[in-house]
N, C-alpha and C. Protein backbone atom coordinates (compact mmCIF):
# COMPACT_ATOMS: atom_id res chain seq x y z
N MET A 1 -47.76 13.69 -10.70
CA MET A 1 -46.36 13.33 -11.02
C MET A 1 -45.68 14.80 -11.14
N ASN A 2 -44.30 14.48 -10.70
CA ASN A 2 -43.35 15.55 -10.34
C ASN A 2 -42.61 15.89 -11.83
N THR A 3 -41.89 17.07 -12.59
CA THR A 3 -40.88 17.12 -13.49
C THR A 3 -40.19 16.19 -13.75
N THR A 4 -39.30 15.83 -13.04
CA THR A 4 -38.33 14.91 -12.88
C THR A 4 -38.77 13.18 -13.68
N THR A 5 -40.28 12.70 -13.01
CA THR A 5 -40.44 11.32 -13.52
C THR A 5 -40.91 11.49 -14.61
N THR A 6 -42.10 12.77 -14.79
CA THR A 6 -42.52 12.81 -15.92
C THR A 6 -41.13 13.07 -17.38
N ALA A 7 -40.09 13.70 -16.84
CA ALA A 7 -38.89 13.19 -18.14
C ALA A 7 -38.52 12.30 -17.94
N LEU A 8 -38.48 11.27 -17.03
CA LEU A 8 -37.73 10.12 -16.98
C LEU A 8 -38.26 9.02 -17.73
N GLN A 9 -40.13 9.43 -17.95
CA GLN A 9 -40.63 8.58 -18.52
C GLN A 9 -40.51 8.55 -20.28
N GLN A 10 -40.46 10.24 -20.71
CA GLN A 10 -40.47 10.62 -22.23
C GLN A 10 -38.82 10.44 -22.25
N ALA A 11 -37.78 10.53 -21.78
CA ALA A 11 -36.52 10.39 -22.42
C ALA A 11 -36.15 8.68 -23.11
N PRO A 12 -35.57 9.42 -24.47
CA PRO A 12 -35.41 8.37 -25.62
C PRO A 12 -34.36 7.63 -24.89
N THR A 13 -34.00 6.04 -25.43
CA THR A 13 -33.02 5.61 -24.56
C THR A 13 -31.97 4.89 -25.54
N LYS A 14 -30.96 5.19 -25.93
CA LYS A 14 -30.24 5.32 -26.94
C LYS A 14 -28.91 5.12 -26.18
N GLY A 15 -28.70 4.45 -25.34
CA GLY A 15 -26.90 4.69 -24.50
C GLY A 15 -27.60 5.54 -23.42
N PHE A 16 -26.72 4.78 -22.17
CA PHE A 16 -27.09 5.20 -20.74
C PHE A 16 -26.02 6.28 -21.28
N PRO A 17 -25.02 6.70 -21.55
CA PRO A 17 -24.51 7.98 -21.12
C PRO A 17 -25.17 9.35 -21.86
N ALA A 18 -25.38 8.79 -23.12
CA ALA A 18 -26.28 9.69 -24.06
C ALA A 18 -27.46 10.37 -23.12
N LEU A 19 -28.39 9.42 -22.35
CA LEU A 19 -29.04 9.59 -21.83
C LEU A 19 -29.09 10.31 -20.15
N LEU A 20 -28.07 9.85 -19.80
CA LEU A 20 -27.88 10.63 -18.71
C LEU A 20 -27.45 12.47 -19.21
N ASP A 21 -26.58 12.46 -20.36
CA ASP A 21 -26.19 13.76 -20.80
C ASP A 21 -27.81 14.80 -21.31
N ARG A 22 -28.59 14.09 -21.73
CA ARG A 22 -30.25 14.79 -21.80
C ARG A 22 -30.62 14.97 -20.14
N MET A 23 -30.67 14.22 -19.40
CA MET A 23 -31.32 13.99 -18.02
C MET A 23 -30.58 14.97 -17.16
N LYS A 24 -29.39 15.60 -17.16
CA LYS A 24 -28.58 16.42 -16.41
C LYS A 24 -28.81 17.35 -15.76
N ASP A 25 -29.62 18.29 -16.51
CA ASP A 25 -30.71 19.60 -15.91
C ASP A 25 -31.34 18.62 -15.21
N GLN A 26 -31.87 17.56 -15.21
CA GLN A 26 -33.17 17.26 -14.04
C GLN A 26 -32.70 16.46 -12.64
N ILE A 27 -31.32 15.76 -13.02
CA ILE A 27 -30.61 15.50 -12.07
C ILE A 27 -29.89 16.71 -11.06
N ALA A 28 -29.32 17.78 -11.72
CA ALA A 28 -29.26 19.20 -10.95
C ALA A 28 -29.90 19.51 -10.54
N ASN A 29 -31.50 19.64 -10.91
CA ASN A 29 -32.36 20.25 -10.13
C ASN A 29 -32.53 19.24 -9.03
N ALA A 30 -32.78 18.25 -8.55
CA ALA A 30 -33.01 17.13 -7.75
C ALA A 30 -31.36 17.02 -6.50
N LEU A 31 -30.17 17.61 -6.93
CA LEU A 31 -29.37 17.52 -5.95
C LEU A 31 -29.22 18.85 -4.99
N PRO A 32 -29.10 18.28 -3.56
CA PRO A 32 -29.17 19.41 -3.04
C PRO A 32 -28.18 20.34 -3.08
N SER A 33 -27.64 21.64 -2.35
CA SER A 33 -26.99 22.68 -2.93
C SER A 33 -25.66 22.39 -2.65
N HIS A 34 -25.61 21.15 -1.77
CA HIS A 34 -23.73 21.17 -1.16
C HIS A 34 -22.94 20.27 -2.33
N MET A 35 -24.13 19.95 -3.16
CA MET A 35 -23.45 18.74 -3.95
C MET A 35 -23.19 19.69 -5.43
N ASN A 36 -21.83 18.97 -6.22
CA ASN A 36 -21.97 19.59 -7.40
C ASN A 36 -22.61 19.22 -8.51
N PRO A 37 -23.39 19.78 -9.51
CA PRO A 37 -24.21 18.37 -11.15
C PRO A 37 -23.03 18.02 -11.62
N LYS A 38 -22.05 18.50 -12.21
CA LYS A 38 -20.99 18.20 -12.90
C LYS A 38 -20.30 16.97 -12.38
N ARG A 39 -19.89 17.26 -10.98
CA ARG A 39 -19.30 16.32 -10.60
C ARG A 39 -19.98 14.80 -10.53
N MET A 40 -21.01 15.16 -10.02
CA MET A 40 -21.84 13.93 -10.00
C MET A 40 -22.17 13.40 -11.00
N LEU A 41 -22.89 14.09 -12.41
CA LEU A 41 -22.55 13.28 -13.15
C LEU A 41 -21.13 12.30 -13.84
N ARG A 42 -19.86 13.26 -13.48
CA ARG A 42 -18.50 12.32 -14.37
C ARG A 42 -18.57 10.91 -12.75
N ILE A 43 -19.21 11.05 -11.36
CA ILE A 43 -19.21 10.40 -10.60
C ILE A 43 -19.72 8.95 -10.68
N VAL A 44 -21.01 9.40 -11.64
CA VAL A 44 -21.80 8.38 -12.13
C VAL A 44 -21.60 7.80 -13.39
N LEU A 45 -20.79 8.46 -14.30
CA LEU A 45 -20.01 7.94 -15.38
C LEU A 45 -19.34 7.00 -15.11
N THR A 46 -18.42 6.95 -13.87
CA THR A 46 -17.01 6.61 -13.78
C THR A 46 -17.72 4.89 -12.90
N CYS A 47 -18.87 4.86 -12.06
CA CYS A 47 -19.32 4.11 -11.94
C CYS A 47 -20.24 3.26 -12.48
N TYR A 48 -20.78 3.37 -13.79
CA TYR A 48 -20.76 2.76 -15.08
C TYR A 48 -20.43 1.92 -15.81
N ARG A 49 -19.08 2.70 -16.02
CA ARG A 49 -18.06 2.25 -16.81
C ARG A 49 -17.38 1.09 -15.84
N MET A 50 -17.25 0.91 -14.45
CA MET A 50 -16.16 0.52 -13.75
C MET A 50 -17.30 -0.83 -13.34
N THR A 51 -18.34 -0.80 -13.63
CA THR A 51 -19.31 -1.73 -13.33
C THR A 51 -20.03 -2.20 -14.65
N PRO A 52 -19.83 -2.93 -15.12
CA PRO A 52 -20.09 -3.46 -16.76
C PRO A 52 -21.69 -4.68 -16.82
N LYS A 53 -21.98 -4.91 -15.80
CA LYS A 53 -22.96 -5.39 -15.41
C LYS A 53 -23.89 -4.90 -15.65
N LEU A 54 -24.21 -3.15 -15.28
CA LEU A 54 -24.92 -2.23 -15.42
C LEU A 54 -25.32 -2.06 -17.01
N ALA A 55 -24.54 -2.44 -17.78
CA ALA A 55 -24.81 -1.95 -19.41
C ALA A 55 -26.15 -2.85 -19.49
N LEU A 56 -26.33 -3.77 -18.52
CA LEU A 56 -27.15 -5.17 -19.08
C LEU A 56 -28.67 -4.57 -18.47
N CYS A 57 -28.50 -4.01 -17.32
CA CYS A 57 -29.58 -3.16 -16.98
C CYS A 57 -30.46 -2.32 -18.07
N ASP A 58 -31.71 -2.22 -17.70
CA ASP A 58 -32.40 -1.50 -18.22
C ASP A 58 -32.16 -0.19 -17.96
N GLU A 59 -31.85 0.33 -18.83
CA GLU A 59 -31.26 2.12 -18.78
C GLU A 59 -32.25 2.70 -17.84
N MET A 60 -33.02 2.86 -17.85
CA MET A 60 -34.77 3.82 -17.46
C MET A 60 -34.17 3.06 -15.39
N SER A 61 -34.07 2.27 -15.51
CA SER A 61 -33.84 1.51 -14.02
C SER A 61 -32.43 2.31 -13.46
N VAL A 62 -31.30 2.53 -14.36
CA VAL A 62 -30.23 2.88 -14.02
C VAL A 62 -30.09 4.27 -13.45
N LEU A 63 -30.98 4.88 -14.76
CA LEU A 63 -31.20 6.63 -14.56
C LEU A 63 -32.17 6.81 -13.09
N SER A 64 -33.10 5.67 -13.15
CA SER A 64 -34.70 6.18 -11.61
C SER A 64 -33.11 5.81 -10.26
N ALA A 65 -32.57 4.92 -10.43
CA ALA A 65 -31.71 5.03 -9.38
C ALA A 65 -30.54 5.86 -9.07
N VAL A 66 -29.90 6.69 -10.52
CA VAL A 66 -29.27 7.91 -10.16
C VAL A 66 -29.63 9.20 -9.67
N VAL A 67 -31.20 9.20 -9.87
CA VAL A 67 -32.19 10.30 -9.63
C VAL A 67 -32.12 10.14 -8.00
N GLN A 68 -32.72 9.11 -7.48
CA GLN A 68 -32.97 8.66 -6.46
C GLN A 68 -31.65 9.47 -5.50
N ALA A 69 -30.60 8.87 -6.10
CA ALA A 69 -29.11 8.97 -5.15
C ALA A 69 -29.06 10.56 -4.99
N ALA A 70 -29.59 11.54 -6.16
CA ALA A 70 -29.49 12.65 -6.33
C ALA A 70 -30.47 13.23 -5.43
N GLN A 71 -31.65 13.16 -5.16
CA GLN A 71 -32.73 13.34 -4.38
C GLN A 71 -32.55 13.27 -2.91
N ILE A 72 -31.42 12.47 -2.54
CA ILE A 72 -31.02 12.30 -1.29
C ILE A 72 -29.85 12.44 -0.57
N GLY A 73 -29.19 13.25 -2.04
CA GLY A 73 -27.73 13.83 -1.80
C GLY A 73 -26.63 12.86 -1.56
N LEU A 74 -26.50 11.23 -2.17
CA LEU A 74 -25.64 10.85 -1.85
C LEU A 74 -25.22 10.21 -3.34
N ALA A 75 -23.83 10.22 -3.24
CA ALA A 75 -22.63 10.15 -4.88
C ALA A 75 -22.66 7.95 -4.73
N PRO A 76 -23.12 8.05 -6.10
CA PRO A 76 -22.79 6.50 -5.80
C PRO A 76 -21.05 6.01 -6.07
N GLY A 77 -21.04 4.73 -6.40
CA GLY A 77 -19.24 4.46 -6.41
C GLY A 77 -18.40 4.17 -5.43
N LEU A 78 -17.25 4.73 -5.23
CA LEU A 78 -16.24 3.64 -4.62
C LEU A 78 -16.05 4.17 -3.95
N MET A 79 -16.40 5.55 -3.08
CA MET A 79 -16.47 6.67 -1.75
C MET A 79 -17.16 5.88 -0.70
N GLY A 80 -18.30 5.17 -1.18
CA GLY A 80 -18.94 4.05 0.04
C GLY A 80 -20.22 5.09 0.21
N GLN A 81 -20.63 6.18 -0.06
CA GLN A 81 -21.60 6.65 0.21
C GLN A 81 -23.21 5.97 -0.31
N ALA A 82 -23.04 5.03 -1.79
CA ALA A 82 -24.01 4.40 -2.09
C ALA A 82 -23.50 3.57 -3.57
N TYR A 83 -24.37 2.56 -3.59
CA TYR A 83 -23.78 1.60 -4.99
C TYR A 83 -25.34 1.59 -5.79
N LEU A 84 -24.78 1.63 -7.54
CA LEU A 84 -25.78 1.32 -8.47
C LEU A 84 -25.76 -0.30 -8.62
N VAL A 85 -26.11 -0.93 -7.97
CA VAL A 85 -26.46 -2.33 -7.93
C VAL A 85 -27.29 -2.89 -9.21
N PRO A 86 -26.59 -3.80 -9.94
CA PRO A 86 -27.35 -4.61 -11.13
C PRO A 86 -28.33 -5.89 -10.06
N TYR A 87 -29.42 -6.16 -10.78
CA TYR A 87 -29.92 -7.29 -10.02
C TYR A 87 -30.44 -7.68 -11.19
N GLY A 88 -30.09 -8.47 -12.43
CA GLY A 88 -30.37 -9.25 -13.47
C GLY A 88 -30.69 -7.57 -14.34
N ARG A 89 -32.09 -7.34 -14.62
CA ARG A 89 -31.80 -6.51 -15.75
C ARG A 89 -32.30 -5.08 -15.12
N GLU A 90 -32.70 -4.92 -13.36
CA GLU A 90 -32.81 -4.03 -12.89
C GLU A 90 -31.56 -3.28 -11.94
N CYS A 91 -31.64 -2.00 -12.11
CA CYS A 91 -30.61 -1.61 -11.11
C CYS A 91 -31.12 -0.72 -10.25
N GLN A 92 -30.47 -1.16 -8.83
CA GLN A 92 -31.00 -0.68 -7.28
C GLN A 92 -29.94 0.63 -7.15
N LEU A 93 -30.44 1.73 -6.47
CA LEU A 93 -29.95 2.35 -5.42
C LEU A 93 -29.40 1.72 -4.31
N ILE A 94 -28.43 1.16 -3.54
CA ILE A 94 -28.54 0.85 -1.90
C ILE A 94 -27.59 1.65 -1.29
N PRO A 95 -27.70 2.56 -0.27
CA PRO A 95 -27.14 3.61 0.38
C PRO A 95 -25.74 2.53 1.16
N GLY A 96 -24.52 3.05 1.08
CA GLY A 96 -23.42 2.60 1.67
C GLY A 96 -23.68 3.03 3.31
N TYR A 97 -22.05 2.60 4.12
CA TYR A 97 -22.14 2.77 5.42
C TYR A 97 -21.88 4.61 5.98
N ARG A 98 -21.24 4.81 4.80
CA ARG A 98 -20.64 6.32 5.06
C ARG A 98 -21.99 7.48 4.49
N GLY A 99 -22.46 6.61 3.37
CA GLY A 99 -24.15 7.22 3.21
C GLY A 99 -25.25 7.41 4.61
N LEU A 100 -25.31 6.60 5.14
CA LEU A 100 -26.19 6.52 6.37
C LEU A 100 -25.75 7.36 7.16
N ILE A 101 -24.69 7.56 7.31
CA ILE A 101 -23.58 8.46 8.26
C ILE A 101 -24.04 9.67 8.35
N ASP A 102 -23.54 9.98 6.88
CA ASP A 102 -23.97 11.30 6.38
C ASP A 102 -25.50 12.00 6.28
N LEU A 103 -26.63 10.86 6.06
CA LEU A 103 -27.63 11.05 6.37
C LEU A 103 -28.23 11.51 7.75
N VAL A 104 -27.34 10.46 8.32
CA VAL A 104 -27.55 11.29 10.20
C VAL A 104 -27.20 12.08 10.67
N ARG A 105 -26.19 12.51 10.52
CA ARG A 105 -25.55 13.43 10.50
C ARG A 105 -26.49 14.88 10.22
N ARG A 106 -26.61 14.80 8.89
CA ARG A 106 -27.56 15.94 8.41
C ARG A 106 -28.94 16.38 9.27
N SER A 107 -28.98 15.03 10.07
CA SER A 107 -30.53 15.21 10.60
C SER A 107 -30.65 16.08 12.11
N GLY A 108 -29.10 16.23 12.56
CA GLY A 108 -29.12 17.64 13.37
C GLY A 108 -29.22 16.93 14.74
N ALA A 109 -29.46 15.65 14.96
CA ALA A 109 -29.94 14.85 16.76
C ALA A 109 -28.99 14.58 17.12
N ILE A 110 -27.58 14.26 16.53
CA ILE A 110 -26.63 14.05 16.88
C ILE A 110 -25.22 14.56 16.66
N THR A 111 -23.93 14.62 17.54
CA THR A 111 -22.97 15.02 16.91
C THR A 111 -21.70 14.84 16.48
N ASP A 112 -21.98 13.17 16.69
CA ASP A 112 -20.83 12.20 15.85
C ASP A 112 -21.55 10.71 15.86
N ILE A 113 -21.31 10.07 15.03
CA ILE A 113 -21.24 8.59 14.51
C ILE A 113 -20.42 7.98 13.94
N TYR A 114 -20.62 6.65 14.08
CA TYR A 114 -19.29 6.18 13.79
C TYR A 114 -19.50 4.56 13.68
N ALA A 115 -19.09 3.39 13.19
CA ALA A 115 -18.83 2.50 13.07
C ALA A 115 -17.47 1.50 13.03
N ASN A 116 -17.43 0.87 13.95
CA ASN A 116 -15.64 0.17 13.57
C ASN A 116 -15.95 -1.55 13.31
N VAL A 117 -15.61 -2.49 12.57
CA VAL A 117 -15.41 -3.57 12.03
C VAL A 117 -14.38 -4.42 13.11
N VAL A 118 -14.72 -5.95 14.01
CA VAL A 118 -13.65 -6.32 14.96
C VAL A 118 -12.56 -7.72 14.19
N HIS A 119 -11.46 -7.23 14.34
CA HIS A 119 -11.35 -8.18 13.83
C HIS A 119 -10.85 -9.50 14.72
N ALA A 120 -10.41 -10.67 14.35
CA ALA A 120 -10.06 -11.95 15.47
C ALA A 120 -8.94 -11.42 16.36
N LYS A 121 -7.70 -11.11 16.10
CA LYS A 121 -6.82 -10.45 16.54
C LYS A 121 -6.95 -9.17 17.35
N ASP A 122 -8.06 -8.34 17.20
CA ASP A 122 -7.92 -7.02 18.06
C ASP A 122 -8.23 -7.24 19.23
N HIS A 123 -7.80 -6.13 20.20
CA HIS A 123 -8.34 -6.54 21.72
C HIS A 123 -10.03 -5.62 21.79
N PHE A 124 -10.39 -6.53 22.25
CA PHE A 124 -12.12 -5.93 21.96
C PHE A 124 -12.85 -6.20 23.21
N LEU A 125 -13.52 -5.52 24.22
CA LEU A 125 -14.26 -5.29 25.45
C LEU A 125 -15.66 -4.92 25.04
N TYR A 126 -16.78 -5.75 25.44
CA TYR A 126 -17.86 -5.02 25.82
C TYR A 126 -18.42 -5.21 26.60
N GLN A 127 -18.60 -4.64 27.90
CA GLN A 127 -19.81 -5.62 28.88
C GLN A 127 -21.03 -4.20 29.37
N THR A 128 -22.06 -4.91 29.66
CA THR A 128 -22.85 -3.99 29.89
C THR A 128 -23.59 -4.17 31.18
N GLY A 129 -24.50 -3.24 31.66
CA GLY A 129 -24.70 -3.07 33.20
C GLY A 129 -25.08 -2.18 33.76
N LEU A 130 -24.93 -1.54 34.74
CA LEU A 130 -25.34 -0.45 35.04
C LEU A 130 -23.78 0.54 34.87
N ASP A 131 -23.14 -0.01 34.17
CA ASP A 131 -21.84 1.07 33.48
C ASP A 131 -21.62 0.27 32.15
N LEU A 132 -21.57 1.20 31.00
CA LEU A 132 -20.65 -0.14 29.95
C LEU A 132 -19.42 0.84 29.32
N THR A 133 -19.05 -0.67 29.25
CA THR A 133 -17.79 -0.40 29.05
C THR A 133 -17.75 -0.77 27.39
N LEU A 134 -16.87 0.09 26.59
CA LEU A 134 -16.21 -0.75 24.99
C LEU A 134 -15.28 0.00 24.77
N GLU A 135 -14.08 -0.88 24.54
CA GLU A 135 -12.55 -1.14 24.66
C GLU A 135 -12.51 -1.73 23.12
N HIS A 136 -11.52 -0.83 21.87
CA HIS A 136 -11.33 -1.87 20.77
C HIS A 136 -9.85 -1.25 20.26
N THR A 137 -8.90 -2.39 20.47
CA THR A 137 -7.52 -1.58 19.87
C THR A 137 -7.36 -2.65 18.56
N PRO A 138 -7.27 -2.22 17.70
CA PRO A 138 -7.00 -2.63 16.17
C PRO A 138 -5.46 -3.45 16.39
N TYR A 139 -5.52 -4.74 15.48
CA TYR A 139 -4.29 -5.52 16.00
C TYR A 139 -3.34 -4.40 15.15
N ASP A 140 -1.95 -4.60 15.42
CA ASP A 140 -0.95 -3.63 14.63
C ASP A 140 -0.09 -4.49 14.22
N GLY A 141 -0.27 -5.59 14.46
CA GLY A 141 1.00 -6.38 13.73
C GLY A 141 1.04 -6.49 12.27
N ASP A 142 2.14 -7.32 11.41
CA ASP A 142 2.34 -7.51 10.71
C ASP A 142 1.72 -8.01 9.72
N ASP A 143 1.43 -9.14 10.52
CA ASP A 143 0.58 -10.38 9.66
C ASP A 143 -0.93 -9.82 9.32
N ASP A 144 -1.91 -10.66 9.40
CA ASP A 144 -3.33 -10.47 8.78
C ASP A 144 -4.09 -10.55 9.78
N PRO A 145 -5.18 -9.35 10.67
CA PRO A 145 -5.58 -9.38 11.64
C PRO A 145 -6.73 -10.33 12.32
N GLY A 146 -6.91 -11.42 11.40
CA GLY A 146 -7.56 -12.44 10.66
C GLY A 146 -9.03 -11.89 10.54
N PRO A 147 -10.31 -12.61 11.06
CA PRO A 147 -11.76 -12.76 9.96
C PRO A 147 -12.13 -11.30 10.70
N ALA A 148 -13.34 -10.80 10.39
CA ALA A 148 -14.09 -10.20 10.87
C ALA A 148 -14.85 -10.65 11.74
N THR A 149 -14.76 -10.77 13.06
CA THR A 149 -16.02 -11.18 14.17
C THR A 149 -16.84 -10.63 14.91
N LYS A 150 -17.17 -9.37 14.76
CA LYS A 150 -17.83 -7.95 14.90
C LYS A 150 -17.84 -7.11 14.76
N VAL A 151 -18.88 -6.47 15.10
CA VAL A 151 -19.22 -4.64 14.25
C VAL A 151 -19.42 -3.92 15.59
N TYR A 152 -19.25 -2.62 15.91
CA TYR A 152 -20.25 -2.02 16.53
C TYR A 152 -20.30 -0.57 15.77
N ALA A 153 -21.28 0.07 16.47
CA ALA A 153 -21.51 1.36 16.43
C ALA A 153 -21.70 2.28 17.52
N VAL A 154 -21.25 3.39 17.54
CA VAL A 154 -21.17 4.40 18.79
C VAL A 154 -21.92 6.14 18.01
N ALA A 155 -22.66 6.11 18.73
CA ALA A 155 -23.87 7.58 18.33
C ALA A 155 -23.80 8.62 19.64
N LYS A 156 -22.82 10.08 19.33
CA LYS A 156 -22.99 10.89 20.27
C LYS A 156 -23.99 11.41 20.05
N LEU A 157 -24.78 11.69 20.84
CA LEU A 157 -26.32 12.51 21.13
C LEU A 157 -25.94 14.23 21.37
N LYS A 158 -26.99 14.87 20.97
CA LYS A 158 -26.33 16.28 21.57
C LYS A 158 -26.65 16.69 23.02
N ASP A 159 -27.56 15.87 23.25
CA ASP A 159 -27.62 15.89 24.57
C ASP A 159 -26.55 15.67 25.67
N GLY A 160 -25.47 14.84 24.98
CA GLY A 160 -24.49 14.43 25.94
C GLY A 160 -24.52 12.84 25.87
N GLY A 161 -25.42 12.14 25.93
CA GLY A 161 -25.64 10.98 25.63
C GLY A 161 -24.85 10.03 24.93
N HIS A 162 -24.99 9.00 24.85
CA HIS A 162 -24.63 8.28 23.81
C HIS A 162 -25.80 6.59 23.42
N HIS A 163 -25.45 6.20 22.54
CA HIS A 163 -26.03 5.09 22.46
C HIS A 163 -25.00 4.11 21.47
N VAL A 164 -24.56 2.89 21.86
CA VAL A 164 -23.92 1.95 21.11
C VAL A 164 -24.90 0.57 20.85
N GLU A 165 -24.71 -0.07 19.62
CA GLU A 165 -24.57 -1.28 19.37
C GLU A 165 -23.68 -2.01 18.94
N VAL A 166 -23.33 -3.35 19.10
CA VAL A 166 -22.70 -4.49 18.96
C VAL A 166 -23.52 -5.55 18.23
N MET A 167 -22.38 -6.28 17.43
CA MET A 167 -23.64 -7.33 16.42
C MET A 167 -22.30 -8.19 15.92
N TYR A 168 -22.59 -9.24 16.62
CA TYR A 168 -21.76 -10.41 16.30
C TYR A 168 -22.00 -11.16 14.96
N ARG A 169 -20.65 -11.80 14.29
CA ARG A 169 -20.72 -12.17 12.60
C ARG A 169 -21.88 -12.96 12.47
N ARG A 170 -22.42 -13.99 13.72
CA ARG A 170 -23.51 -14.78 13.60
C ARG A 170 -25.00 -13.51 13.08
N ASP A 171 -24.94 -12.76 13.37
CA ASP A 171 -26.00 -11.50 13.00
C ASP A 171 -25.88 -10.85 12.21
N VAL A 172 -24.70 -10.73 11.91
CA VAL A 172 -24.29 -10.14 10.19
C VAL A 172 -24.70 -10.70 9.49
N GLU A 173 -24.53 -12.56 9.60
CA GLU A 173 -24.37 -12.81 8.29
C GLU A 173 -26.01 -13.77 8.42
N LYS A 174 -26.85 -13.87 8.93
CA LYS A 174 -27.80 -13.79 9.35
C LYS A 174 -28.45 -13.16 8.64
N ILE A 175 -28.49 -11.90 8.41
CA ILE A 175 -29.28 -10.30 7.90
C ILE A 175 -28.67 -10.88 6.12
N ARG A 176 -27.75 -11.13 6.23
CA ARG A 176 -26.40 -11.29 4.90
C ARG A 176 -27.75 -12.39 4.22
N ASP A 177 -27.74 -13.45 4.76
CA ASP A 177 -28.29 -14.71 3.87
C ASP A 177 -29.59 -14.68 3.72
N ALA A 178 -30.18 -13.66 4.54
CA ALA A 178 -31.65 -13.45 4.19
C ALA A 178 -32.21 -12.55 3.28
N THR A 179 -31.36 -11.73 2.66
CA THR A 179 -31.26 -10.54 1.09
C THR A 179 -31.51 -11.83 -0.17
N MET A 180 -32.52 -11.21 -0.90
CA MET A 180 -32.82 -12.18 -2.19
C MET A 180 -31.74 -11.90 -2.99
N ALA A 181 -30.91 -10.74 -2.89
CA ALA A 181 -29.23 -10.92 -3.91
C ALA A 181 -28.60 -11.72 -3.49
N TRP A 182 -27.98 -11.84 -2.40
CA TRP A 182 -27.48 -13.03 -2.20
C TRP A 182 -27.67 -14.73 -2.54
N LYS A 183 -29.17 -14.80 -1.87
CA LYS A 183 -29.67 -15.99 -2.30
C LYS A 183 -29.34 -16.24 -3.68
N LYS A 184 -29.42 -15.09 -4.56
CA LYS A 184 -29.38 -15.54 -6.01
C LYS A 184 -28.27 -15.42 -6.43
N GLY A 185 -27.10 -14.97 -5.69
CA GLY A 185 -26.04 -14.90 -6.15
C GLY A 185 -25.27 -13.73 -7.35
N TYR A 186 -26.20 -12.98 -7.11
CA TYR A 186 -26.03 -11.56 -7.60
C TYR A 186 -24.85 -10.76 -7.07
N GLU A 187 -24.07 -10.20 -8.27
CA GLU A 187 -22.79 -9.28 -7.53
C GLU A 187 -23.52 -8.19 -6.46
N THR A 188 -23.42 -8.25 -5.18
CA THR A 188 -23.77 -7.56 -4.76
C THR A 188 -22.77 -6.54 -3.80
N PRO A 189 -22.65 -5.46 -2.93
CA PRO A 189 -21.77 -5.04 -2.37
C PRO A 189 -21.68 -5.85 -0.99
N TRP A 190 -22.48 -7.07 -0.70
CA TRP A 190 -21.95 -7.57 0.19
C TRP A 190 -20.71 -9.05 -0.11
N ARG A 191 -21.21 -9.23 -1.63
CA ARG A 191 -19.70 -9.90 -1.63
C ARG A 191 -18.16 -9.35 -2.45
N THR A 192 -18.59 -7.42 -3.12
CA THR A 192 -17.23 -6.84 -3.16
C THR A 192 -17.16 -5.95 -2.09
N PHE A 193 -17.99 -5.94 -1.11
CA PHE A 193 -17.26 -4.44 -0.05
C PHE A 193 -17.85 -5.12 1.13
N PRO A 194 -17.45 -6.39 1.91
CA PRO A 194 -18.31 -7.65 3.02
C PRO A 194 -18.13 -6.49 4.37
N GLU A 195 -17.11 -5.73 4.26
CA GLU A 195 -16.85 -4.91 5.61
C GLU A 195 -18.13 -3.48 5.72
N GLU A 196 -17.76 -2.88 4.28
CA GLU A 196 -18.54 -1.68 4.21
C GLU A 196 -20.23 -2.11 4.53
N MET A 197 -20.66 -3.28 4.12
CA MET A 197 -22.02 -3.92 4.94
C MET A 197 -21.89 -4.24 6.18
N TRP A 198 -21.24 -5.20 6.45
CA TRP A 198 -20.92 -5.49 7.96
C TRP A 198 -21.28 -3.36 8.68
N ARG A 199 -20.44 -2.98 8.34
CA ARG A 199 -20.79 -1.18 9.30
C ARG A 199 -22.47 -0.68 8.73
N LYS A 200 -22.42 -0.97 7.53
CA LYS A 200 -23.95 -0.49 6.72
C LYS A 200 -25.04 -1.37 8.25
N THR A 201 -24.72 -2.24 8.14
CA THR A 201 -25.93 -3.37 8.81
C THR A 201 -25.74 -2.57 10.43
N VAL A 202 -25.00 -2.15 11.11
CA VAL A 202 -24.93 -1.87 12.69
C VAL A 202 -25.61 -0.57 12.31
N LEU A 203 -24.90 0.23 11.69
CA LEU A 203 -25.59 1.48 11.54
C LEU A 203 -27.03 1.50 11.38
N ARG A 204 -27.38 0.75 10.18
CA ARG A 204 -29.01 0.85 10.45
C ARG A 204 -29.61 0.26 11.55
N ARG A 205 -29.23 -0.35 12.48
CA ARG A 205 -29.85 -1.26 13.68
C ARG A 205 -29.52 0.33 14.96
N ILE A 206 -28.80 0.92 14.65
CA ILE A 206 -28.12 2.09 15.41
C ILE A 206 -29.58 2.85 15.09
N CYS A 207 -29.63 3.39 13.70
CA CYS A 207 -30.52 4.05 13.03
C CYS A 207 -31.81 4.38 14.11
């Protein structure tokens, strides 16, 4: 059993902010060198205070999710790297699409990776065969671009090649509808940041 796990089990729970403060050294030790421990703690507290339902979760489950975020080097919150999501009394860390991009880039296998959502009024052309064609021009009118209809991801490989994945609304919603959190009506990123989750879904497929 590692030091962080032992400390998590032994730490008293008298309010999450106080618990987080007591565990700050262990969290700092779990962070990769490119992340600032003080900034990470500030981000976590902001995320906690902006999500009232986290206060209803078991404090140790929230702390465990924070440690998981530290270990993989993702900051939870509005930046879209990861989310602290309450499922009843339990908190889970859910990586966001920006977090997946960051993790893949760190692998060194690619030179670039990105994902975009296509809306009804966008120009979009995707053809496969001997040659692949992918064209996307976002709608630039003053009115609403319409609902999301597709999402795609492109990974540029170190050897000069590339890989493309395209998913349609029916594909994304089938995956969303299969998640337990969605079925039970929990407040998940699928409800609060749906297009972020569209991007994450196609990125997971391309990864």
